[in-house]
Amino acid sequence: MDSENSSHPDGGAGPGWRTEKPLATTIVERLAAHKDVSVDDLEPIYEYIDPDALEALIAPRTDASDRIGGQITFMYAGYHVTVCRDRTIDLEPLGEEEG
C-alpha cells in the first residue's frame, strides 16, 4: 500500500497519512502527486463517490464522540482508496485484472 502522512515533516512516505482537509480534496491531491499529474488530469472524484456522504460517514457521532473502527474502500483513478474512521487514507494500485 502507498501511504503518506500530511503532517510528515518532508511530506514523504509514512505509515499512513491523515488529513484535516476535506477528504475528497486530499484524496485527489495526493493521488495526483503520486501519479505525477495535475489534479485536472484526474476524473472528478464525485463520479466515484459522493464527497459529502464520505465526510458524513467519517464524521464524529452527533454527540461529538469519535466513531470506533470501520473503513470505506472505493476505486478511483486506478487505485483502491481506503478511508478509515480516524481520517487515515491509504492508496493501493488496482491489479491489472481490475484496471
N, C-alpha and C. Protein backbone atom coordinates (compact mmCIF):
# COMPACT_ATOMS: atom_id res chain seq x y z
N MET A 1 0.83 -1.17 0.00
CA MET A 1 0.00 0.00 0.00
C MET A 1 0.88 1.24 0.00
N ASP A 2 0.47 2.25 -0.73
CA ASP A 2 1.19 3.51 -0.73
C ASP A 2 0.49 4.44 0.24
N SER A 3 1.24 4.97 1.16
CA SER A 3 0.65 5.84 2.16
C SER A 3 1.55 7.03 2.39
N GLU A 4 0.94 8.15 2.69
CA GLU A 4 1.71 9.33 3.02
C GLU A 4 1.06 10.02 4.19
N ASN A 5 1.85 10.74 4.95
CA ASN A 5 1.36 11.43 6.13
C ASN A 5 1.42 12.92 5.87
N SER A 6 0.26 13.59 5.83
CA SER A 6 0.23 15.01 5.52
C SER A 6 0.92 15.84 6.59
N SER A 7 1.11 15.29 7.78
CA SER A 7 1.81 16.02 8.82
C SER A 7 3.28 15.62 8.89
N HIS A 8 3.71 14.69 8.04
CA HIS A 8 5.10 14.25 7.99
C HIS A 8 5.97 15.43 7.59
N PRO A 9 7.09 15.68 8.27
CA PRO A 9 7.91 16.87 8.02
C PRO A 9 8.29 17.08 6.56
N ASP A 10 8.62 15.99 5.86
CA ASP A 10 9.02 16.18 4.47
C ASP A 10 7.91 15.81 3.50
N GLY A 11 6.72 15.53 4.02
CA GLY A 11 5.60 15.16 3.16
C GLY A 11 5.77 13.81 2.50
N GLY A 12 6.76 13.06 2.96
CA GLY A 12 7.08 11.79 2.32
C GLY A 12 6.29 10.63 2.87
N ALA A 13 6.74 9.46 2.51
CA ALA A 13 6.03 8.24 2.88
C ALA A 13 6.07 8.03 4.38
N GLY A 14 5.02 7.49 4.90
CA GLY A 14 4.93 7.20 6.31
C GLY A 14 4.01 6.00 6.49
N PRO A 15 3.64 5.67 7.70
CA PRO A 15 2.82 4.50 7.96
C PRO A 15 1.36 4.69 7.60
N GLY A 16 1.00 5.79 7.02
CA GLY A 16 -0.38 6.14 6.67
C GLY A 16 -0.44 7.64 6.70
N TRP A 17 -1.37 8.23 6.03
CA TRP A 17 -1.45 9.67 6.16
C TRP A 17 -2.84 10.07 6.54
N ARG A 18 -2.90 11.16 7.23
CA ARG A 18 -4.12 11.61 7.84
C ARG A 18 -4.35 13.05 7.43
N THR A 19 -5.58 13.45 7.28
CA THR A 19 -5.88 14.79 6.82
C THR A 19 -6.97 15.44 7.65
N GLU A 20 -6.87 16.74 7.76
CA GLU A 20 -7.93 17.53 8.38
C GLU A 20 -8.69 18.31 7.31
N LYS A 21 -8.15 18.35 6.07
CA LYS A 21 -8.83 18.98 4.94
C LYS A 21 -9.98 18.09 4.51
N PRO A 22 -10.87 18.60 3.64
CA PRO A 22 -11.92 17.70 3.12
C PRO A 22 -11.28 16.45 2.51
N LEU A 23 -11.85 15.31 2.81
CA LEU A 23 -11.28 14.04 2.37
C LEU A 23 -11.15 13.97 0.85
N ALA A 24 -12.18 14.36 0.13
CA ALA A 24 -12.14 14.28 -1.33
C ALA A 24 -11.01 15.12 -1.90
N THR A 25 -10.82 16.31 -1.36
CA THR A 25 -9.74 17.19 -1.82
C THR A 25 -8.39 16.54 -1.58
N THR A 26 -8.19 16.01 -0.41
CA THR A 26 -6.92 15.37 -0.06
C THR A 26 -6.67 14.15 -0.93
N ILE A 27 -7.68 13.34 -1.16
CA ILE A 27 -7.52 12.15 -1.98
C ILE A 27 -7.08 12.54 -3.39
N VAL A 28 -7.74 13.51 -3.98
CA VAL A 28 -7.41 13.93 -5.35
C VAL A 28 -5.99 14.51 -5.39
N GLU A 29 -5.65 15.37 -4.44
CA GLU A 29 -4.32 15.99 -4.41
C GLU A 29 -3.22 14.95 -4.25
N ARG A 30 -3.39 14.03 -3.31
CA ARG A 30 -2.34 13.03 -3.05
C ARG A 30 -2.22 12.04 -4.22
N LEU A 31 -3.34 11.67 -4.80
CA LEU A 31 -3.29 10.74 -5.93
C LEU A 31 -2.63 11.41 -7.14
N ALA A 32 -2.95 12.67 -7.38
CA ALA A 32 -2.31 13.40 -8.49
C ALA A 32 -0.81 13.50 -8.25
N ALA A 33 -0.41 13.80 -7.02
CA ALA A 33 1.02 13.89 -6.70
C ALA A 33 1.69 12.53 -6.89
N HIS A 34 1.03 11.48 -6.44
CA HIS A 34 1.60 10.14 -6.57
C HIS A 34 1.78 9.75 -8.04
N LYS A 35 0.78 10.10 -8.87
CA LYS A 35 0.84 9.76 -10.29
C LYS A 35 1.64 10.78 -11.10
N ASP A 36 2.07 11.85 -10.43
CA ASP A 36 2.82 12.94 -11.06
C ASP A 36 2.03 13.56 -12.21
N VAL A 37 0.76 13.88 -11.92
CA VAL A 37 -0.11 14.54 -12.87
C VAL A 37 -0.81 15.70 -12.15
N SER A 38 -1.43 16.56 -12.91
CA SER A 38 -2.22 17.65 -12.35
C SER A 38 -3.55 17.09 -11.83
N VAL A 39 -4.11 17.72 -10.81
CA VAL A 39 -5.43 17.29 -10.34
C VAL A 39 -6.46 17.41 -11.46
N ASP A 40 -6.23 18.33 -12.40
CA ASP A 40 -7.14 18.49 -13.54
C ASP A 40 -7.09 17.32 -14.50
N ASP A 41 -6.03 16.51 -14.42
CA ASP A 41 -5.90 15.34 -15.29
C ASP A 41 -6.69 14.14 -14.77
N LEU A 42 -7.15 14.19 -13.53
CA LEU A 42 -7.92 13.09 -12.96
C LEU A 42 -9.41 13.33 -13.18
N GLU A 43 -10.15 12.24 -13.28
CA GLU A 43 -11.60 12.36 -13.39
C GLU A 43 -12.14 12.94 -12.08
N PRO A 44 -13.27 13.63 -12.13
CA PRO A 44 -13.84 14.16 -10.89
C PRO A 44 -14.16 13.03 -9.91
N ILE A 45 -13.75 13.21 -8.68
CA ILE A 45 -13.96 12.16 -7.68
C ILE A 45 -15.45 11.91 -7.43
N TYR A 46 -16.27 12.93 -7.63
CA TYR A 46 -17.70 12.76 -7.36
C TYR A 46 -18.36 11.78 -8.33
N GLU A 47 -17.66 11.40 -9.41
CA GLU A 47 -18.19 10.37 -10.31
C GLU A 47 -18.02 8.97 -9.70
N TYR A 48 -17.25 8.88 -8.63
CA TYR A 48 -16.97 7.60 -7.98
C TYR A 48 -17.56 7.49 -6.59
N ILE A 49 -17.60 8.62 -5.89
CA ILE A 49 -18.14 8.62 -4.53
C ILE A 49 -18.65 10.02 -4.22
N ASP A 50 -19.70 10.09 -3.45
CA ASP A 50 -20.27 11.38 -3.06
C ASP A 50 -19.40 11.96 -1.94
N PRO A 51 -18.69 13.08 -2.20
CA PRO A 51 -17.80 13.65 -1.18
C PRO A 51 -18.50 13.99 0.13
N ASP A 52 -19.75 14.48 0.05
CA ASP A 52 -20.48 14.82 1.28
C ASP A 52 -20.83 13.56 2.07
N ALA A 53 -21.21 12.51 1.37
CA ALA A 53 -21.52 11.25 2.05
C ALA A 53 -20.27 10.66 2.70
N LEU A 54 -19.14 10.76 2.00
CA LEU A 54 -17.87 10.28 2.56
C LEU A 54 -17.56 11.01 3.86
N GLU A 55 -17.67 12.33 3.85
CA GLU A 55 -17.43 13.11 5.07
C GLU A 55 -18.40 12.72 6.18
N ALA A 56 -19.67 12.53 5.83
CA ALA A 56 -20.68 12.18 6.83
C ALA A 56 -20.39 10.82 7.47
N LEU A 57 -19.93 9.87 6.66
CA LEU A 57 -19.63 8.55 7.20
C LEU A 57 -18.43 8.55 8.14
N ILE A 58 -17.52 9.47 7.95
CA ILE A 58 -16.31 9.54 8.75
C ILE A 58 -16.45 10.51 9.92
N ALA A 59 -17.41 11.40 9.85
CA ALA A 59 -17.58 12.45 10.88
C ALA A 59 -17.85 11.85 12.26
N PRO A 60 -17.50 12.60 13.31
CA PRO A 60 -17.83 12.15 14.66
C PRO A 60 -19.35 11.96 14.81
N ARG A 61 -19.74 11.20 15.78
CA ARG A 61 -21.16 10.99 16.07
C ARG A 61 -21.80 12.32 16.46
N THR A 62 -23.11 12.35 16.48
CA THR A 62 -23.83 13.58 16.82
C THR A 62 -23.53 14.05 18.24
N ASP A 63 -23.08 13.15 19.12
CA ASP A 63 -22.71 13.57 20.47
C ASP A 63 -21.24 13.98 20.54
N ALA A 64 -20.60 14.13 19.36
CA ALA A 64 -19.21 14.58 19.20
C ALA A 64 -18.18 13.51 19.55
N SER A 65 -18.61 12.32 19.91
CA SER A 65 -17.64 11.26 20.19
C SER A 65 -17.17 10.66 18.87
N ASP A 66 -15.94 10.16 18.87
CA ASP A 66 -15.38 9.56 17.67
C ASP A 66 -16.04 8.22 17.40
N ARG A 67 -16.14 7.90 16.14
CA ARG A 67 -16.60 6.58 15.75
C ARG A 67 -15.44 5.62 15.96
N ILE A 68 -15.73 4.38 16.29
CA ILE A 68 -14.69 3.39 16.54
C ILE A 68 -14.70 2.37 15.41
N GLY A 69 -13.52 2.15 14.84
CA GLY A 69 -13.37 1.14 13.80
C GLY A 69 -14.06 1.52 12.50
N GLY A 70 -13.94 0.65 11.55
CA GLY A 70 -14.60 0.82 10.27
C GLY A 70 -13.74 1.55 9.25
N GLN A 71 -14.05 1.29 8.00
CA GLN A 71 -13.36 1.95 6.91
C GLN A 71 -14.22 1.88 5.66
N ILE A 72 -13.90 2.71 4.70
CA ILE A 72 -14.60 2.76 3.42
C ILE A 72 -13.54 2.58 2.35
N THR A 73 -13.78 1.68 1.41
CA THR A 73 -12.87 1.48 0.29
C THR A 73 -13.64 1.63 -1.00
N PHE A 74 -13.08 2.38 -1.94
CA PHE A 74 -13.68 2.54 -3.25
C PHE A 74 -12.57 2.65 -4.28
N MET A 75 -12.93 2.46 -5.54
CA MET A 75 -11.95 2.56 -6.63
C MET A 75 -12.02 3.96 -7.23
N TYR A 76 -10.85 4.52 -7.49
CA TYR A 76 -10.77 5.84 -8.11
C TYR A 76 -9.42 5.98 -8.82
N ALA A 77 -9.45 6.35 -10.08
CA ALA A 77 -8.25 6.66 -10.86
C ALA A 77 -7.21 5.54 -10.84
N GLY A 78 -7.68 4.31 -10.89
CA GLY A 78 -6.76 3.18 -10.93
C GLY A 78 -6.25 2.72 -9.58
N TYR A 79 -6.89 3.14 -8.52
CA TYR A 79 -6.46 2.79 -7.16
C TYR A 79 -7.64 2.38 -6.30
N HIS A 80 -7.35 1.51 -5.33
CA HIS A 80 -8.27 1.30 -4.21
C HIS A 80 -7.93 2.40 -3.22
N VAL A 81 -8.93 3.17 -2.84
CA VAL A 81 -8.76 4.23 -1.85
C VAL A 81 -9.49 3.77 -0.60
N THR A 82 -8.76 3.69 0.50
CA THR A 82 -9.36 3.27 1.77
C THR A 82 -9.27 4.42 2.75
N VAL A 83 -10.43 4.79 3.30
CA VAL A 83 -10.51 5.86 4.29
C VAL A 83 -11.00 5.24 5.58
N CYS A 84 -10.20 5.41 6.64
CA CYS A 84 -10.54 4.87 7.95
C CYS A 84 -11.23 5.94 8.79
N ARG A 85 -11.90 5.50 9.83
CA ARG A 85 -12.64 6.41 10.71
C ARG A 85 -11.77 7.51 11.31
N ASP A 86 -10.46 7.26 11.45
CA ASP A 86 -9.57 8.28 12.02
C ASP A 86 -9.03 9.23 10.94
N ARG A 87 -9.63 9.17 9.72
CA ARG A 87 -9.28 10.02 8.57
C ARG A 87 -7.94 9.64 7.95
N THR A 88 -7.43 8.45 8.27
CA THR A 88 -6.24 7.94 7.62
C THR A 88 -6.67 7.44 6.23
N ILE A 89 -5.86 7.77 5.23
CA ILE A 89 -6.17 7.41 3.85
C ILE A 89 -5.03 6.58 3.28
N ASP A 90 -5.34 5.44 2.69
CA ASP A 90 -4.35 4.59 2.05
C ASP A 90 -4.72 4.42 0.58
N LEU A 91 -3.70 4.36 -0.27
CA LEU A 91 -3.86 4.15 -1.70
C LEU A 91 -3.17 2.86 -2.09
N GLU A 92 -3.84 2.03 -2.87
CA GLU A 92 -3.24 0.80 -3.37
C GLU A 92 -3.61 0.67 -4.84
N PRO A 93 -2.62 0.53 -5.73
CA PRO A 93 -2.94 0.39 -7.15
C PRO A 93 -3.84 -0.82 -7.40
N LEU A 94 -4.76 -0.66 -8.34
CA LEU A 94 -5.62 -1.79 -8.73
C LEU A 94 -4.77 -2.83 -9.45
N GLY A 95 -5.12 -4.08 -9.30
CA GLY A 95 -4.45 -5.12 -10.05
C GLY A 95 -4.83 -5.00 -11.52
N GLU A 96 -4.03 -5.55 -12.40
CA GLU A 96 -4.30 -5.43 -13.84
C GLU A 96 -5.66 -6.01 -14.21
N GLU A 97 -6.09 -7.07 -13.51
CA GLU A 97 -7.38 -7.67 -13.83
C GLU A 97 -8.54 -6.75 -13.46
N GLU A 98 -8.29 -5.77 -12.57
CA GLU A 98 -9.33 -4.85 -12.16
C GLU A 98 -9.30 -3.55 -12.94
N GLY A 99 -8.13 -3.16 -13.45
CA GLY A 99 -7.92 -1.85 -14.02
C GLY A 99 -8.47 -1.64 -15.35
